[in-house]
Protein backbone atom coordinates (compact mmCIF):
# COMPACT_ATOMS: atom_id res chain seq x y z
CA MET A 1 -51.31 -422.85 -51.08
CA ALA A 2 -54.28 -420.89 -50.12
CA PRO A 3 -52.50 -417.81 -49.54
CA ARG A 4 -50.65 -417.75 -52.86
CA VAL A 5 -54.22 -418.20 -54.69
CA ARG A 6 -55.48 -415.09 -52.68
CA ALA A 7 -52.53 -413.37 -53.74
CA GLY A 8 -52.70 -414.11 -57.45
CA ARG A 9 -56.17 -413.00 -57.35
CA ARG A 10 -55.41 -409.64 -56.05
CA ALA A 11 -52.70 -409.33 -58.64
CA ARG A 12 -55.09 -409.66 -61.77
CA PRO A 13 -56.63 -406.50 -61.31
CA LEU A 14 -53.31 -404.49 -61.10
CA VAL A 15 -52.40 -406.18 -64.17
CA ALA A 16 -55.46 -405.71 -66.18
CA GLU A 17 -55.33 -401.63 -65.20
CA ALA A 18 -51.76 -401.89 -66.57
CA LEU A 19 -52.64 -403.52 -69.82
CA ASP A 20 -55.42 -401.03 -70.23
CA SER A 21 -53.25 -398.12 -69.69
CA VAL A 22 -51.16 -399.35 -72.25
CA ALA A 23 -53.90 -400.22 -74.96
CA LYS A 24 -55.79 -396.78 -74.45
CA PRO A 25 -53.65 -394.03 -75.14
CA SER A 26 -53.93 -390.81 -73.14
CA ARG A 27 -56.14 -388.29 -74.79
CA PRO A 28 -54.34 -384.97 -75.64
CA GLU A 29 -55.20 -381.95 -74.04
CA PRO A 30 -57.35 -379.34 -75.75
CA PRO A 31 -55.65 -376.68 -76.73
CA GLN A 32 -55.51 -373.46 -74.48
CA VAL A 33 -57.16 -370.15 -75.57
CA SER A 34 -54.34 -367.54 -75.82
CA THR A 35 -54.03 -365.15 -73.08
CA GLN A 36 -54.26 -362.12 -75.34
CA MET A 37 -57.66 -363.20 -76.79
CA SER A 38 -59.07 -363.99 -73.22
CA SER A 39 -57.75 -360.37 -72.06
CA ILE A 40 -59.63 -358.72 -74.83
CA ALA A 41 -62.90 -360.56 -74.33
CA ALA A 42 -62.50 -359.48 -70.31
CA ARG A 43 -61.89 -356.05 -71.45
CA THR A 44 -64.62 -356.03 -73.76
CA SER A 45 -67.12 -357.53 -70.93
CA ARG A 46 -66.12 -354.72 -68.76
CA ILE A 47 -67.18 -351.97 -71.18
CA ARG A 48 -70.40 -350.52 -69.61
CA PRO A 49 -73.31 -349.72 -72.11
CA GLY A 50 -72.89 -345.89 -70.51
CA TRP A 51 -69.75 -345.43 -72.64
CA ALA A 52 -71.29 -346.66 -75.60
CA PHE A 53 -74.12 -344.33 -74.97
CA ALA A 54 -71.73 -341.53 -74.45
CA ALA A 55 -70.06 -342.06 -78.12
CA LEU A 56 -73.38 -341.93 -79.73
CA ASP A 57 -74.03 -338.72 -77.78
CA LEU A 58 -70.63 -337.14 -78.91
CA VAL A 59 -71.99 -338.38 -82.34
CA GLY A 60 -75.31 -336.26 -81.75
CA LEU A 61 -73.19 -333.41 -80.46
CA ALA A 62 -70.94 -333.25 -83.73
CA MET A 63 -74.57 -333.20 -85.95
CA ALA A 64 -75.91 -330.44 -83.69
CA VAL A 65 -72.73 -328.26 -84.22
CA TRP A 66 -73.17 -329.01 -88.10
CA LEU A 67 -76.70 -327.80 -88.04
CA PHE A 68 -75.72 -324.79 -85.78
CA SER A 69 -73.13 -323.73 -88.59
CA LEU A 70 -75.90 -323.78 -91.33
CA ASP A 71 -78.60 -322.13 -89.36
CA ALA A 72 -76.95 -319.83 -87.33
CA GLN A 73 -79.23 -316.99 -88.01
CA ASP A 74 -82.59 -318.46 -87.49
CA LYS A 75 -85.00 -317.17 -84.84
CA ILE A 76 -85.69 -320.77 -83.67
CA PRO A 77 -82.61 -321.96 -81.25
CA VAL A 78 -83.15 -325.66 -81.98
CA PRO A 79 -79.59 -326.31 -83.19
CA GLN A 80 -78.41 -324.52 -79.86
CA PHE A 81 -80.98 -326.78 -77.99
CA GLY A 82 -79.40 -329.82 -79.46
CA ILE A 83 -76.08 -328.84 -78.37
CA VAL A 84 -77.01 -328.39 -74.87
CA LEU A 85 -78.95 -331.62 -74.92
CA ALA A 86 -76.21 -333.52 -76.50
CA VAL A 87 -73.62 -332.00 -73.67
CA LEU A 88 -76.10 -333.09 -70.89
CA LEU A 89 -76.54 -336.52 -72.58
CA VAL A 90 -72.97 -336.93 -72.56
CA VAL A 91 -72.49 -336.18 -68.84
CA LEU A 92 -75.29 -338.26 -67.83
CA ALA A 93 -74.01 -341.32 -70.01
CA ALA A 94 -70.83 -341.03 -68.50
CA GLY A 95 -72.26 -340.71 -65.20
CA TRP A 96 -74.07 -343.73 -65.68
CA ALA A 97 -71.21 -345.86 -66.84
CA LEU A 98 -69.24 -344.61 -63.71
CA THR A 99 -71.75 -344.99 -61.20
CA ASP A 100 -74.16 -347.46 -62.31
CA ARG A 101 -77.18 -345.29 -61.02
CA ASP A 102 -80.22 -346.43 -62.86
CA VAL A 103 -81.76 -342.87 -62.28
CA LEU A 104 -79.14 -341.28 -64.52
CA ALA A 105 -79.92 -343.98 -67.44
CA ASP A 106 -83.69 -342.91 -67.10
CA VAL A 107 -83.04 -339.21 -67.32
CA HIS A 108 -80.56 -340.00 -70.45
CA TYR A 109 -83.43 -341.99 -71.80
CA ALA A 110 -85.89 -339.09 -71.28
CA GLY A 111 -83.46 -336.73 -72.98
CA ALA A 112 -82.92 -339.02 -75.97
CA LEU A 113 -86.66 -339.23 -76.69
CA ALA A 114 -86.98 -335.66 -76.55
CA GLY A 115 -84.15 -335.32 -78.99
CA LEU A 116 -85.62 -337.66 -81.32
CA VAL A 117 -89.01 -335.61 -81.57
CA PHE A 118 -87.15 -332.36 -81.99
CA GLY A 119 -85.04 -333.58 -84.62
CA VAL A 120 -87.92 -334.63 -86.71
CA VAL A 121 -89.98 -331.24 -85.94
CA PHE A 122 -86.77 -329.45 -86.69
CA GLN A 123 -86.24 -331.27 -90.34
CA VAL A 124 -89.99 -330.24 -91.10
CA TYR A 125 -89.61 -326.90 -89.93
CA SER A 126 -86.45 -326.12 -91.79
CA GLN A 127 -87.89 -327.53 -95.18
CA THR A 128 -84.32 -327.88 -96.67
CA ALA A 129 -82.30 -330.79 -97.96
CA ASP A 130 -78.91 -328.94 -96.32
CA THR A 131 -80.24 -330.13 -92.67
CA LEU A 132 -81.32 -333.61 -93.67
CA VAL A 133 -78.16 -335.39 -93.39
CA PRO A 134 -77.20 -334.14 -90.02
CA VAL A 135 -80.85 -334.56 -88.73
CA ILE A 136 -80.84 -338.33 -89.99
CA VAL A 137 -77.59 -339.02 -88.34
CA TRP A 138 -79.03 -337.03 -84.96
CA CYS A 139 -82.35 -339.23 -85.08
CA ALA A 140 -80.30 -342.46 -85.82
CA ALA A 141 -78.05 -341.98 -82.71
CA MET A 142 -80.90 -340.87 -80.49
CA LEU A 143 -83.05 -343.87 -81.82
CA VAL A 144 -80.09 -346.27 -81.26
CA THR A 145 -79.95 -345.04 -77.72
CA LEU A 146 -83.60 -345.64 -76.97
CA VAL A 147 -83.70 -349.23 -78.16
CA GLN A 148 -80.27 -350.25 -76.49
CA THR A 149 -81.65 -348.98 -73.32
CA HIS A 150 -84.52 -350.93 -73.58
CA ARG A 151 -82.23 -354.04 -73.86
CA ASN A 152 -79.95 -353.00 -71.12
CA LYS A 153 -82.54 -352.20 -68.58
CA THR A 154 -86.19 -352.30 -67.67
CA ILE A 155 -87.84 -348.87 -68.31
CA HIS A 156 -90.73 -347.72 -66.49
CA PRO A 157 -93.84 -346.93 -68.84
CA GLY A 158 -94.34 -343.44 -66.88
CA LEU A 159 -90.92 -342.56 -68.14
CA ILE A 160 -92.02 -342.62 -71.56
CA LEU A 161 -95.07 -340.19 -70.60
CA ALA A 162 -92.88 -337.99 -68.86
CA SER A 163 -90.48 -337.77 -71.87
CA LEU A 164 -93.36 -336.42 -74.03
CA ASP A 165 -94.54 -334.18 -71.23
CA VAL A 166 -91.18 -332.41 -71.43
CA VAL A 167 -91.41 -332.14 -75.32
CA GLY A 168 -94.73 -330.59 -74.84
CA LEU A 169 -93.58 -328.53 -72.15
CA LEU A 170 -90.73 -327.44 -74.05
CA ILE A 171 -93.09 -326.43 -77.24
CA ALA A 172 -95.51 -324.61 -75.03
CA SER A 173 -93.05 -322.55 -73.19
CA TYR A 174 -91.59 -321.32 -76.37
CA LEU A 175 -94.92 -320.45 -77.80
CA SER A 176 -95.98 -318.74 -74.70
CA TYR A 177 -92.71 -316.78 -74.47
CA VAL A 178 -93.10 -315.35 -77.71
CA GLU A 179 -96.71 -314.44 -77.58
CA LEU A 180 -96.67 -312.84 -74.13
CA GLY A 181 -93.72 -310.68 -75.42
CA GLY A 182 -95.89 -309.55 -78.36
CA GLY A 183 -94.21 -311.25 -81.12
CA THR A 184 -95.02 -314.17 -83.43
CA PRO A 185 -93.40 -317.61 -83.80
CA SER A 186 -91.45 -318.13 -86.59
CA CYS A 187 -92.45 -321.02 -88.72
CA GLY A 188 -89.50 -320.95 -91.60
CA VAL A 189 -90.50 -321.47 -94.80
CA LEU A 190 -93.94 -322.58 -93.88
CA HIS A 191 -95.42 -319.22 -93.15
CA GLY A 192 -98.53 -320.42 -90.75
CA CYS A 193 -97.55 -319.77 -87.27
CA GLU A 194 -97.87 -315.71 -88.06
CA ALA A 195 -101.67 -316.29 -89.24
CA VAL A 196 -102.47 -318.54 -86.48
CA ALA A 197 -101.15 -316.47 -83.60
CA LEU A 198 -102.84 -313.05 -85.03
CA SER A 199 -106.17 -314.91 -85.15
CA LYS A 200 -108.80 -314.70 -82.28
CA TYR A 201 -108.48 -318.20 -81.62
CA ALA A 202 -105.08 -318.01 -80.26
CA LYS A 203 -106.24 -316.75 -77.11
CA ILE A 204 -108.89 -317.75 -74.63
CA GLY A 205 -109.79 -314.02 -73.39
CA PRO A 206 -106.40 -312.13 -72.68
CA VAL A 207 -104.50 -315.51 -72.12
CA PRO A 208 -102.59 -317.09 -75.07
CA VAL A 209 -103.59 -320.69 -75.51
CA ALA A 210 -99.94 -321.65 -75.25
CA VAL A 211 -99.89 -320.78 -71.45
CA PHE A 212 -102.70 -323.33 -70.78
CA GLY A 213 -100.39 -325.97 -72.74
CA VAL A 214 -97.85 -324.84 -70.25
CA PHE A 215 -99.86 -325.60 -67.37
CA LEU A 216 -101.37 -328.94 -68.78
CA SER A 217 -97.85 -330.24 -69.44
CA LEU A 218 -96.67 -329.36 -65.92
CA ILE A 219 -99.67 -330.90 -64.17
CA LEU A 220 -98.89 -334.24 -66.71
CA LEU A 221 -95.22 -334.11 -66.09
CA SER A 222 -95.85 -333.88 -62.22
CA LEU A 223 -98.21 -336.96 -62.48
CA ALA A 224 -95.74 -339.28 -64.55
CA ILE A 225 -92.87 -338.46 -62.26
CA ALA A 226 -95.26 -339.37 -59.26
CA TRP A 227 -96.28 -342.47 -60.91
CA ILE A 228 -92.81 -343.45 -61.53
CA ARG A 229 -91.86 -342.88 -57.79
CA SER A 230 -95.00 -344.31 -55.92
CA ASN A 231 -96.41 -346.64 -58.80
CA ASN A 232 -100.00 -345.53 -57.63
CA PRO A 233 -102.37 -346.48 -60.45
CA SER A 234 -104.54 -343.55 -59.60
CA LEU A 235 -102.02 -341.08 -60.90
CA LEU A 236 -102.08 -343.12 -64.22
CA ASP A 237 -105.84 -342.36 -64.40
CA LEU A 238 -105.44 -338.90 -63.91
CA HIS A 239 -102.91 -338.59 -66.65
CA TYR A 240 -104.91 -340.56 -68.91
CA GLY A 241 -107.97 -338.32 -68.15
CA LEU A 242 -106.23 -335.10 -68.71
CA SER A 243 -104.62 -336.34 -71.78
CA LEU A 244 -107.96 -337.13 -73.19
CA VAL A 245 -109.22 -333.52 -72.40
CA GLY A 246 -106.45 -332.15 -73.95
CA VAL A 247 -106.80 -334.40 -77.13
CA ILE A 248 -110.23 -333.09 -77.51
CA PHE A 249 -109.01 -329.45 -77.52
CA GLU A 250 -106.37 -330.35 -79.81
CA ILE A 251 -108.68 -331.84 -82.35
CA TYR A 252 -110.97 -328.59 -82.10
CA PHE A 253 -107.51 -326.35 -82.62
CA ILE A 254 -106.29 -328.20 -85.68
CA SER A 255 -109.92 -328.26 -87.12
CA VAL A 256 -110.02 -324.42 -86.87
CA GLN A 257 -106.33 -324.18 -88.33
CA ALA A 258 -107.53 -326.45 -91.23
CA PHE A 259 -110.90 -325.47 -92.22
CA ILE A 260 -111.17 -321.70 -90.70
CA LEU A 261 -107.75 -320.14 -91.01
CA HIS A 262 -106.25 -322.37 -93.79
CA ALA A 263 -103.15 -322.30 -92.22
CA VAL A 264 -101.14 -324.68 -89.81
CA CYS A 265 -98.72 -323.70 -86.94
CA ILE A 266 -95.91 -325.92 -86.82
CA TRP A 267 -95.14 -325.60 -83.40
CA CYS A 268 -98.88 -325.57 -82.36
CA ALA A 269 -99.26 -329.16 -84.30
CA SER A 270 -95.96 -330.58 -82.85
CA TYR A 271 -97.47 -329.73 -79.37
CA GLY A 272 -101.14 -331.14 -80.67
CA LEU A 273 -99.04 -334.22 -81.95
CA SER A 274 -97.22 -334.61 -78.79
CA LEU A 275 -100.31 -334.44 -76.88
CA ILE A 276 -101.87 -337.07 -78.91
CA ALA A 277 -99.03 -339.57 -78.39
CA ARG A 278 -99.07 -339.08 -74.66
CA PHE A 279 -102.87 -339.82 -74.82
CA LEU A 280 -102.34 -342.91 -76.84
CA VAL A 281 -99.29 -344.15 -74.65
CA ALA A 282 -101.31 -343.55 -71.60
CA LEU A 283 -104.02 -345.42 -73.32
CA VAL A 284 -102.06 -348.46 -74.07
CA ILE A 285 -100.33 -348.55 -70.63
CA TRP A 286 -103.63 -347.97 -68.99
CA VAL A 287 -105.26 -351.07 -70.74
CA ARG A 288 -102.24 -353.17 -70.17
CA ALA A 289 -102.31 -352.13 -66.34
CA GLY A 290 -105.63 -353.42 -66.13
CA ARG A 291 -107.10 -350.34 -65.06
CA PHE A 292 -109.78 -350.41 -67.86
CA GLN A 293 -111.30 -353.72 -66.52
CA ALA A 294 -110.86 -352.09 -63.01
CA HIS A 295 -113.14 -349.29 -63.69
CA PHE A 296 -115.76 -350.52 -66.26
CA GLY A 297 -115.61 -354.45 -65.69
CA ARG A 298 -116.86 -353.86 -62.26
CA ARG A 299 -119.70 -352.07 -63.50
CA ALA A 300 -120.57 -354.33 -66.10
CA LEU A 301 -120.46 -357.05 -63.32
CA GLU A 302 -123.19 -354.64 -61.16
């Protein structure tokens, strides 16, 4: 009798499991996502940001060609510069998408920032509504590129300084080229560049002021690139200090234009604004990097 009882006890769990399986119906399996939708999602996830930037650059190229068709006879080759810059940006964006090298994205970012600045300068220079639409589209494409680059990768703050240094270098190089050649820069409908360029304040001795701007921008650009490569904070200190010296001179030169000459050179003002922007950006970076505390905090403690 004992073996039968033990066998009965062993059989009860089997019967209970069978009853549970009958009482609890099996849950239906969740519907599977269609293979077509999953393949589309997979292809979308594989699209690299560089290709999206290349598309934006092509929009910028179309706008630059449009501006060139509206302003082909002008003395200032800003639309031609925009065409060359847009082609370069397309190549850089495609290269970034194919190789995934961050250095290409960094150079692309610097070019987009320079393009944004020159778009604004060109619209101020042209003083016509005919160029307003292509300039707005151009600036919007450059601005979206800058914002999306920040979202996709970390941007070294020195790259912003280097971009503004390139803008200042290009403006100062144009002014130096024209003035050393004996000409006067074109101001479009503003007609202030001629008065400033022919005044005694446009030169320090026999050398045009713009030449000193070229050397200053080259030094600042070299410091910014060296800081990006080495992360040596002393290079940031030098960039900040030289930017401060440049801003002091620009305040003097802008005051001369406004209160003595009563004329404003749009290109000189643009260079001055780029220098002020470089100083402000360097100041923010300088303070956030703790350099202010490192220099003046110790002295306060002493």
